[in-house]
Amino acid sequence: MSTASKAPFLSQQEVSVLQGLADGYQSKEIAQFVARSKPTVEATVRTLYAKLNARSRAQLVAKAIAFGIIDIPRQPTS
C-alpha cells in the first residue's frame, strides 16, 4: 500500500492552507491567498492537526509532503 493511499481526505481549502504553510506564509497571508478570514485559516490549521495527527505546523507540512498531499515548498520568485 502506498503512502498516498493512506492520506486522509482533505478539502481543496485545507490543501491550499497546507501549501501556504509549506511556503512559509503566516495565517494572515494565507487568508488573503485563499480568500478567507484569518480565524477561518487558524480553524483550518486546528482541523488539520487532528486529521494528520500532528502537533506543530512543521509536522503538518512534513506529513503532507510525505502523504503526497502537497509539493515540496516552492521558492519565492523575485
PDB file of N, CA and C in Angstrom:
ATOM      1  N   MET A   1       0.856  -1.194   0.000  1.00  0.00           N
ATOM      2  CA  MET A   1       0.000   0.000   0.000  1.00  0.00           C
ATOM      3  C   MET A   1       0.885   1.234   0.000  1.00  0.00           C
ATOM      4  N   SER A   2       0.607   2.173  -0.896  1.00  0.00           N
ATOM      5  CA  SER A   2       1.433   3.375  -0.989  1.00  0.00           C
ATOM      6  C   SER A   2       1.081   4.369   0.113  1.00  0.00           C
ATOM      7  N   THR A   3       2.013   5.268   0.375  1.00  0.00           N
ATOM      8  CA  THR A   3       1.783   6.302   1.388  1.00  0.00           C
ATOM      9  C   THR A   3       0.606   7.181   1.013  1.00  0.00           C
ATOM     10  N   ALA A   4       0.479   7.523  -0.273  1.00  0.00           N
ATOM     11  CA  ALA A   4      -0.600   8.400  -0.724  1.00  0.00           C
ATOM     12  C   ALA A   4      -1.968   7.781  -0.450  1.00  0.00           C
ATOM     13  N   SER A   5      -2.087   6.450  -0.537  1.00  0.00           N
ATOM     14  CA  SER A   5      -3.380   5.821  -0.305  1.00  0.00           C
ATOM     15  C   SER A   5      -3.785   5.869   1.165  1.00  0.00           C
ATOM     16  N   LYS A   6      -2.842   6.153   2.056  1.00  0.00           N
ATOM     17  CA  LYS A   6      -3.144   6.271   3.481  1.00  0.00           C
ATOM     18  C   LYS A   6      -3.498   7.701   3.872  1.00  0.00           C
ATOM     19  N   ALA A   7      -3.399   8.626   2.928  1.00  0.00           N
ATOM     20  CA  ALA A   7      -3.652  10.033   3.215  1.00  0.00           C
ATOM     21  C   ALA A   7      -5.120  10.261   3.541  1.00  0.00           C
ATOM     22  N   PRO A   8      -5.391  11.103   4.547  1.00  0.00           N
ATOM     23  CA  PRO A   8      -6.780  11.432   4.857  1.00  0.00           C
ATOM     24  C   PRO A   8      -7.365  12.312   3.771  1.00  0.00           C
ATOM     25  N   PHE A   9      -8.689  12.288   3.660  1.00  0.00           N
ATOM     26  CA  PHE A   9      -9.348  13.163   2.693  1.00  0.00           C
ATOM     27  C   PHE A   9      -9.253  14.599   3.185  1.00  0.00           C
ATOM     28  N   LEU A  10      -8.806  15.479   2.320  1.00  0.00           N
ATOM     29  CA  LEU A  10      -8.717  16.895   2.651  1.00  0.00           C
ATOM     30  C   LEU A  10      -9.438  17.705   1.584  1.00  0.00           C
ATOM     31  N   SER A  11     -10.076  18.786   2.023  1.00  0.00           N
ATOM     32  CA  SER A  11     -10.730  19.689   1.081  1.00  0.00           C
ATOM     33  C   SER A  11      -9.673  20.497   0.324  1.00  0.00           C
ATOM     34  N   GLN A  12     -10.095  21.119  -0.757  1.00  0.00           N
ATOM     35  CA  GLN A  12      -9.174  21.963  -1.519  1.00  0.00           C
ATOM     36  C   GLN A  12      -8.667  23.109  -0.657  1.00  0.00           C
ATOM     37  N   GLN A  13      -9.526  23.665   0.193  1.00  0.00           N
ATOM     38  CA  GLN A  13      -9.103  24.753   1.082  1.00  0.00           C
ATOM     39  C   GLN A  13      -8.030  24.260   2.050  1.00  0.00           C
ATOM     40  N   GLU A  14      -8.210  23.058   2.605  1.00  0.00           N
ATOM     41  CA  GLU A  14      -7.207  22.519   3.524  1.00  0.00           C
ATOM     42  C   GLU A  14      -5.869  22.310   2.816  1.00  0.00           C
ATOM     43  N   VAL A  15      -5.919  21.821   1.592  1.00  0.00           N
ATOM     44  CA  VAL A  15      -4.690  21.625   0.817  1.00  0.00           C
ATOM     45  C   VAL A  15      -4.028  22.974   0.543  1.00  0.00           C
ATOM     46  N   SER A  16      -4.808  23.982   0.208  1.00  0.00           N
ATOM     47  CA  SER A  16      -4.257  25.313  -0.047  1.00  0.00           C
ATOM     48  C   SER A  16      -3.608  25.897   1.202  1.00  0.00           C
ATOM     49  N   VAL A  17      -4.238  25.692   2.350  1.00  0.00           N
ATOM     50  CA  VAL A  17      -3.663  26.168   3.613  1.00  0.00           C
ATOM     51  C   VAL A  17      -2.349  25.435   3.888  1.00  0.00           C
ATOM     52  N   LEU A  18      -2.327  24.126   3.682  1.00  0.00           N
ATOM     53  CA  LEU A  18      -1.088  23.362   3.879  1.00  0.00           C
ATOM     54  C   LEU A  18       0.020  23.864   2.956  1.00  0.00           C
ATOM     55  N   GLN A  19      -0.305  24.126   1.697  1.00  0.00           N
ATOM     56  CA  GLN A  19       0.718  24.615   0.774  1.00  0.00           C
ATOM     57  C   GLN A  19       1.221  25.981   1.211  1.00  0.00           C
ATOM     58  N   GLY A  20       0.325  26.825   1.708  1.00  0.00           N
ATOM     59  CA  GLY A  20       0.743  28.129   2.231  1.00  0.00           C
ATOM     60  C   GLY A  20       1.684  27.986   3.416  1.00  0.00           C
ATOM     61  N   LEU A  21       1.385  27.052   4.310  1.00  0.00           N
ATOM     62  CA  LEU A  21       2.274  26.790   5.443  1.00  0.00           C
ATOM     63  C   LEU A  21       3.636  26.313   4.948  1.00  0.00           C
ATOM     64  N   ALA A  22       3.618  25.402   3.988  1.00  0.00           N
ATOM     65  CA  ALA A  22       4.869  24.867   3.433  1.00  0.00           C
ATOM     66  C   ALA A  22       5.694  25.964   2.776  1.00  0.00           C
ATOM     67  N   ASP A  23       5.010  26.932   2.170  1.00  0.00           N
ATOM     68  CA  ASP A  23       5.694  28.033   1.504  1.00  0.00           C
ATOM     69  C   ASP A  23       6.159  29.109   2.493  1.00  0.00           C
ATOM     70  N   GLY A  24       5.848  28.922   3.778  1.00  0.00           N
ATOM     71  CA  GLY A  24       6.350  29.816   4.815  1.00  0.00           C
ATOM     72  C   GLY A  24       5.484  31.010   5.141  1.00  0.00           C
ATOM     73  N   TYR A  25       4.236  30.993   4.712  1.00  0.00           N
ATOM     74  CA  TYR A  25       3.358  32.126   4.961  1.00  0.00           C
ATOM     75  C   TYR A  25       2.697  32.053   6.337  1.00  0.00           C
ATOM     76  N   GLN A  26       2.394  33.224   6.889  1.00  0.00           N
ATOM     77  CA  GLN A  26       1.663  33.343   8.146  1.00  0.00           C
ATOM     78  C   GLN A  26       0.168  33.187   7.868  1.00  0.00           C
ATOM     79  N   SER A  27      -0.607  32.971   8.914  1.00  0.00           N
ATOM     80  CA  SER A  27      -2.055  32.794   8.767  1.00  0.00           C
ATOM     81  C   SER A  27      -2.712  33.957   8.026  1.00  0.00           C
ATOM     82  N   LYS A  28      -2.312  35.181   8.347  1.00  0.00           N
ATOM     83  CA  LYS A  28      -2.896  36.366   7.708  1.00  0.00           C
ATOM     84  C   LYS A  28      -2.637  36.355   6.196  1.00  0.00           C
ATOM     85  N   GLU A  29      -1.426  35.962   5.798  1.00  0.00           N
ATOM     86  CA  GLU A  29      -1.082  35.917   4.378  1.00  0.00           C
ATOM     87  C   GLU A  29      -1.827  34.790   3.665  1.00  0.00           C
ATOM     88  N   ILE A  30      -1.943  33.658   4.331  1.00  0.00           N
ATOM     89  CA  ILE A  30      -2.683  32.529   3.751  1.00  0.00           C
ATOM     90  C   ILE A  30      -4.145  32.911   3.587  1.00  0.00           C
ATOM     91  N   ALA A  31      -4.697  33.632   4.555  1.00  0.00           N
ATOM     92  CA  ALA A  31      -6.094  34.065   4.493  1.00  0.00           C
ATOM     93  C   ALA A  31      -6.348  34.896   3.240  1.00  0.00           C
ATOM     94  N   GLN A  32      -5.421  35.761   2.894  1.00  0.00           N
ATOM     95  CA  GLN A  32      -5.578  36.567   1.686  1.00  0.00           C
ATOM     96  C   GLN A  32      -5.532  35.674   0.448  1.00  0.00           C
ATOM     97  N   PHE A  33      -4.635  34.711   0.444  1.00  0.00           N
ATOM     98  CA  PHE A  33      -4.466  33.815  -0.700  1.00  0.00           C
ATOM     99  C   PHE A  33      -5.698  32.939  -0.945  1.00  0.00           C
ATOM    100  N   VAL A  34      -6.282  32.413   0.138  1.00  0.00           N
ATOM    101  CA  VAL A  34      -7.439  31.511  -0.006  1.00  0.00           C
ATOM    102  C   VAL A  34      -8.771  32.250   0.114  1.00  0.00           C
ATOM    103  N   ALA A  35      -8.726  33.563   0.236  1.00  0.00           N
ATOM    104  CA  ALA A  35      -9.924  34.405   0.327  1.00  0.00           C
ATOM    105  C   ALA A  35     -10.832  33.995   1.480  1.00  0.00           C
ATOM    106  N   ARG A  36     -10.220  33.811   2.637  1.00  0.00           N
ATOM    107  CA  ARG A  36     -10.945  33.506   3.868  1.00  0.00           C
ATOM    108  C   ARG A  36     -10.402  34.414   4.963  1.00  0.00           C
ATOM    109  N   SER A  37     -11.061  34.433   6.109  1.00  0.00           N
ATOM    110  CA  SER A  37     -10.580  35.255   7.221  1.00  0.00           C
ATOM    111  C   SER A  37      -9.434  34.538   7.940  1.00  0.00           C
ATOM    112  N   LYS A  38      -8.646  35.328   8.670  1.00  0.00           N
ATOM    113  CA  LYS A  38      -7.551  34.745   9.452  1.00  0.00           C
ATOM    114  C   LYS A  38      -8.081  33.717  10.463  1.00  0.00           C
ATOM    115  N   PRO A  39      -9.190  34.002  11.194  1.00  0.00           N
ATOM    116  CA  PRO A  39      -9.713  32.986  12.112  1.00  0.00           C
ATOM    117  C   PRO A  39     -10.127  31.693  11.407  1.00  0.00           C
ATOM    118  N   THR A  40     -10.629  31.801  10.176  1.00  0.00           N
ATOM    119  CA  THR A  40     -11.002  30.598   9.421  1.00  0.00           C
ATOM    120  C   THR A  40      -9.764  29.789   9.084  1.00  0.00           C
ATOM    121  N   VAL A  41      -8.694  30.464   8.681  1.00  0.00           N
ATOM    122  CA  VAL A  41      -7.441  29.760   8.386  1.00  0.00           C
ATOM    123  C   VAL A  41      -6.918  29.076   9.650  1.00  0.00           C
ATOM    124  N   GLU A  42      -6.959  29.760  10.779  1.00  0.00           N
ATOM    125  CA  GLU A  42      -6.478  29.175  12.031  1.00  0.00           C
ATOM    126  C   GLU A  42      -7.332  27.978  12.446  1.00  0.00           C
ATOM    127  N   ALA A  43      -8.645  28.042  12.210  1.00  0.00           N
ATOM    128  CA  ALA A  43      -9.520  26.901  12.498  1.00  0.00           C
ATOM    129  C   ALA A  43      -9.190  25.737  11.566  1.00  0.00           C
ATOM    130  N   THR A  44      -8.876  26.052  10.314  1.00  0.00           N
ATOM    131  CA  THR A  44      -8.494  25.013   9.356  1.00  0.00           C
ATOM    132  C   THR A  44      -7.208  24.336   9.805  1.00  0.00           C
ATOM    133  N   VAL A  45      -6.256  25.107  10.301  1.00  0.00           N
ATOM    134  CA  VAL A  45      -4.997  24.531  10.798  1.00  0.00           C
ATOM    135  C   VAL A  45      -5.284  23.588  11.974  1.00  0.00           C
ATOM    136  N   ARG A  46      -6.170  23.982  12.870  1.00  0.00           N
ATOM    137  CA  ARG A  46      -6.518  23.102  14.003  1.00  0.00           C
ATOM    138  C   ARG A  46      -7.157  21.805  13.508  1.00  0.00           C
ATOM    139  N   THR A  47      -8.013  21.899  12.501  1.00  0.00           N
ATOM    140  CA  THR A  47      -8.631  20.711  11.911  1.00  0.00           C
ATOM    141  C   THR A  47      -7.560  19.818  11.292  1.00  0.00           C
ATOM    142  N   LEU A  48      -6.594  20.435  10.628  1.00  0.00           N
ATOM    143  CA  LEU A  48      -5.515  19.676  10.003  1.00  0.00           C
ATOM    144  C   LEU A  48      -4.661  18.956  11.040  1.00  0.00           C
ATOM    145  N   TYR A  49      -4.450  19.589  12.205  1.00  0.00           N
ATOM    146  CA  TYR A  49      -3.715  18.908  13.280  1.00  0.00           C
ATOM    147  C   TYR A  49      -4.374  17.568  13.597  1.00  0.00           C
ATOM    148  N   ALA A  50      -5.693  17.576  13.699  1.00  0.00           N
ATOM    149  CA  ALA A  50      -6.423  16.351  14.028  1.00  0.00           C
ATOM    150  C   ALA A  50      -6.390  15.352  12.872  1.00  0.00           C
ATOM    151  N   LYS A  51      -6.635  15.829  11.662  1.00  0.00           N
ATOM    152  CA  LYS A  51      -6.692  14.927  10.515  1.00  0.00           C
ATOM    153  C   LYS A  51      -5.349  14.268  10.219  1.00  0.00           C
ATOM    154  N   LEU A  52      -4.260  15.019  10.409  1.00  0.00           N
ATOM    155  CA  LEU A  52      -2.938  14.485  10.098  1.00  0.00           C
ATOM    156  C   LEU A  52      -2.187  14.015  11.343  1.00  0.00           C
ATOM    157  N   ASN A  53      -2.846  14.102  12.502  1.00  0.00           N
ATOM    158  CA  ASN A  53      -2.246  13.673  13.765  1.00  0.00           C
ATOM    159  C   ASN A  53      -0.892  14.356  13.961  1.00  0.00           C
ATOM    160  N   ALA A  54      -0.909  15.674  13.881  1.00  0.00           N
ATOM    161  CA  ALA A  54       0.314  16.469  14.007  1.00  0.00           C
ATOM    162  C   ALA A  54       0.207  17.400  15.209  1.00  0.00           C
ATOM    163  N   ARG A  55       1.377  17.827  15.708  1.00  0.00           N
ATOM    164  CA  ARG A  55       1.390  18.719  16.865  1.00  0.00           C
ATOM    165  C   ARG A  55       2.003  20.086  16.579  1.00  0.00           C
ATOM    166  N   SER A  56       2.499  20.276  15.380  1.00  0.00           N
ATOM    167  CA  SER A  56       3.087  21.566  15.027  1.00  0.00           C
ATOM    168  C   SER A  56       2.867  21.821  13.538  1.00  0.00           C
ATOM    169  N   ARG A  57       3.054  23.062  13.142  1.00  0.00           N
ATOM    170  CA  ARG A  57       2.921  23.390  11.730  1.00  0.00           C
ATOM    171  C   ARG A  57       3.992  22.679  10.909  1.00  0.00           C
ATOM    172  N   ALA A  58       5.179  22.581  11.470  1.00  0.00           N
ATOM    173  CA  ALA A  58       6.262  21.882  10.760  1.00  0.00           C
ATOM    174  C   ALA A  58       5.900  20.420  10.540  1.00  0.00           C
ATOM    175  N   GLN A  59       5.314  19.797  11.545  1.00  0.00           N
ATOM    176  CA  GLN A  59       4.907  18.406  11.407  1.00  0.00           C
ATOM    177  C   GLN A  59       3.759  18.267  10.407  1.00  0.00           C
ATOM    178  N   LEU A  60       2.855  19.226  10.383  1.00  0.00           N
ATOM    179  CA  LEU A  60       1.785  19.221   9.377  1.00  0.00           C
ATOM    180  C   LEU A  60       2.378  19.204   7.972  1.00  0.00           C
ATOM    181  N   VAL A  61       3.325  20.095   7.738  1.00  0.00           N
ATOM    182  CA  VAL A  61       3.947  20.200   6.418  1.00  0.00           C
ATOM    183  C   VAL A  61       4.693  18.912   6.077  1.00  0.00           C
ATOM    184  N   ALA A  62       5.458  18.396   7.031  1.00  0.00           N
ATOM    185  CA  ALA A  62       6.224  17.170   6.777  1.00  0.00           C
ATOM    186  C   ALA A  62       5.298  16.012   6.424  1.00  0.00           C
ATOM    187  N   LYS A  63       4.214  15.858   7.157  1.00  0.00           N
ATOM    188  CA  LYS A  63       3.284  14.765   6.880  1.00  0.00           C
ATOM    189  C   LYS A  63       2.562  14.972   5.551  1.00  0.00           C
ATOM    190  N   ALA A  64       2.191  16.201   5.252  1.00  0.00           N
ATOM    191  CA  ALA A  64       1.507  16.484   3.986  1.00  0.00           C
ATOM    192  C   ALA A  64       2.416  16.170   2.796  1.00  0.00           C
ATOM    193  N   ILE A  65       3.697  16.473   2.917  1.00  0.00           N
ATOM    194  CA  ILE A  65       4.645  16.142   1.853  1.00  0.00           C
ATOM    195  C   ILE A  65       4.810  14.626   1.762  1.00  0.00           C
ATOM    196  N   ALA A  66       4.945  13.957   2.906  1.00  0.00           N
ATOM    197  CA  ALA A  66       5.117  12.502   2.921  1.00  0.00           C
ATOM    198  C   ALA A  66       3.910  11.783   2.322  1.00  0.00           C
ATOM    199  N   PHE A  67       2.708  12.295   2.572  1.00  0.00           N
ATOM    200  CA  PHE A  67       1.489  11.694   2.020  1.00  0.00           C
ATOM    201  C   PHE A  67       1.277  12.065   0.552  1.00  0.00           C
ATOM    202  N   GLY A  68       2.075  13.004   0.045  1.00  0.00           N
ATOM    203  CA  GLY A  68       1.903  13.437  -1.336  1.00  0.00           C
ATOM    204  C   GLY A  68       0.751  14.401  -1.511  1.00  0.00           C
ATOM    205  N   ILE A  69       0.318  15.023  -0.426  1.00  0.00           N
ATOM    206  CA  ILE A  69      -0.811  15.961  -0.468  1.00  0.00           C
ATOM    207  C   ILE A  69      -0.390  17.289  -1.084  1.00  0.00           C
ATOM    208  N   ILE A  70       0.814  17.731  -0.743  1.00  0.00           N
ATOM    209  CA  ILE A  70       1.337  18.989  -1.275  1.00  0.00           C
ATOM    210  C   ILE A  70       2.717  18.758  -1.858  1.00  0.00           C
ATOM    211  N   ASP A  71       3.167  19.734  -2.616  1.00  0.00           N
ATOM    212  CA  ASP A  71       4.501  19.702  -3.176  1.00  0.00           C
ATOM    213  C   ASP A  71       5.508  20.216  -2.161  1.00  0.00           C
ATOM    214  N   ILE A  72       6.750  19.900  -2.415  1.00  0.00           N
ATOM    215  CA  ILE A  72       7.821  20.468  -1.604  1.00  0.00           C
ATOM    216  C   ILE A  72       7.708  21.986  -1.724  1.00  0.00           C
ATOM    217  N   PRO A  73       7.992  22.726  -0.639  1.00  0.00           N
ATOM    218  CA  PRO A  73       7.831  24.181  -0.672  1.00  0.00           C
ATOM    219  C   PRO A  73       8.467  24.805  -1.906  1.00  0.00           C
ATOM    220  N   ARG A  74       7.725  25.722  -2.478  1.00  0.00           N
ATOM    221  CA  ARG A  74       8.199  26.440  -3.662  1.00  0.00           C
ATOM    222  C   ARG A  74       9.099  27.577  -3.244  1.00  0.00           C
ATOM    223  N   GLN A  75      10.060  27.879  -4.074  1.00  0.00           N
ATOM    224  CA  GLN A  75      10.934  29.025  -3.835  1.00  0.00           C
ATOM    225  C   GLN A  75      10.226  30.284  -4.312  1.00  0.00           C
ATOM    226  N   PRO A  76      10.227  31.349  -3.493  1.00  0.00           N
ATOM    227  CA  PRO A  76       9.593  32.587  -3.940  1.00  0.00           C
ATOM    228  C   PRO A  76      10.300  33.134  -5.160  1.00  0.00           C
ATOM    229  N   THR A  77       9.519  33.713  -6.042  1.00  0.00           N
ATOM    230  CA  THR A  77      10.108  34.318  -7.239  1.00  0.00           C
ATOM    231  C   THR A  77      10.375  35.789  -6.978  1.00  0.00           C
ATOM    232  N   SER A  78      11.448  36.295  -7.508  1.00  0.00           N
ATOM    233  CA  SER A  78      11.817  37.708  -7.286  1.00  0.00           C
ATOM    234  C   SER A  78      11.267  38.575  -8.377  1.00  0.00           C
TER     235      SER A  78
END
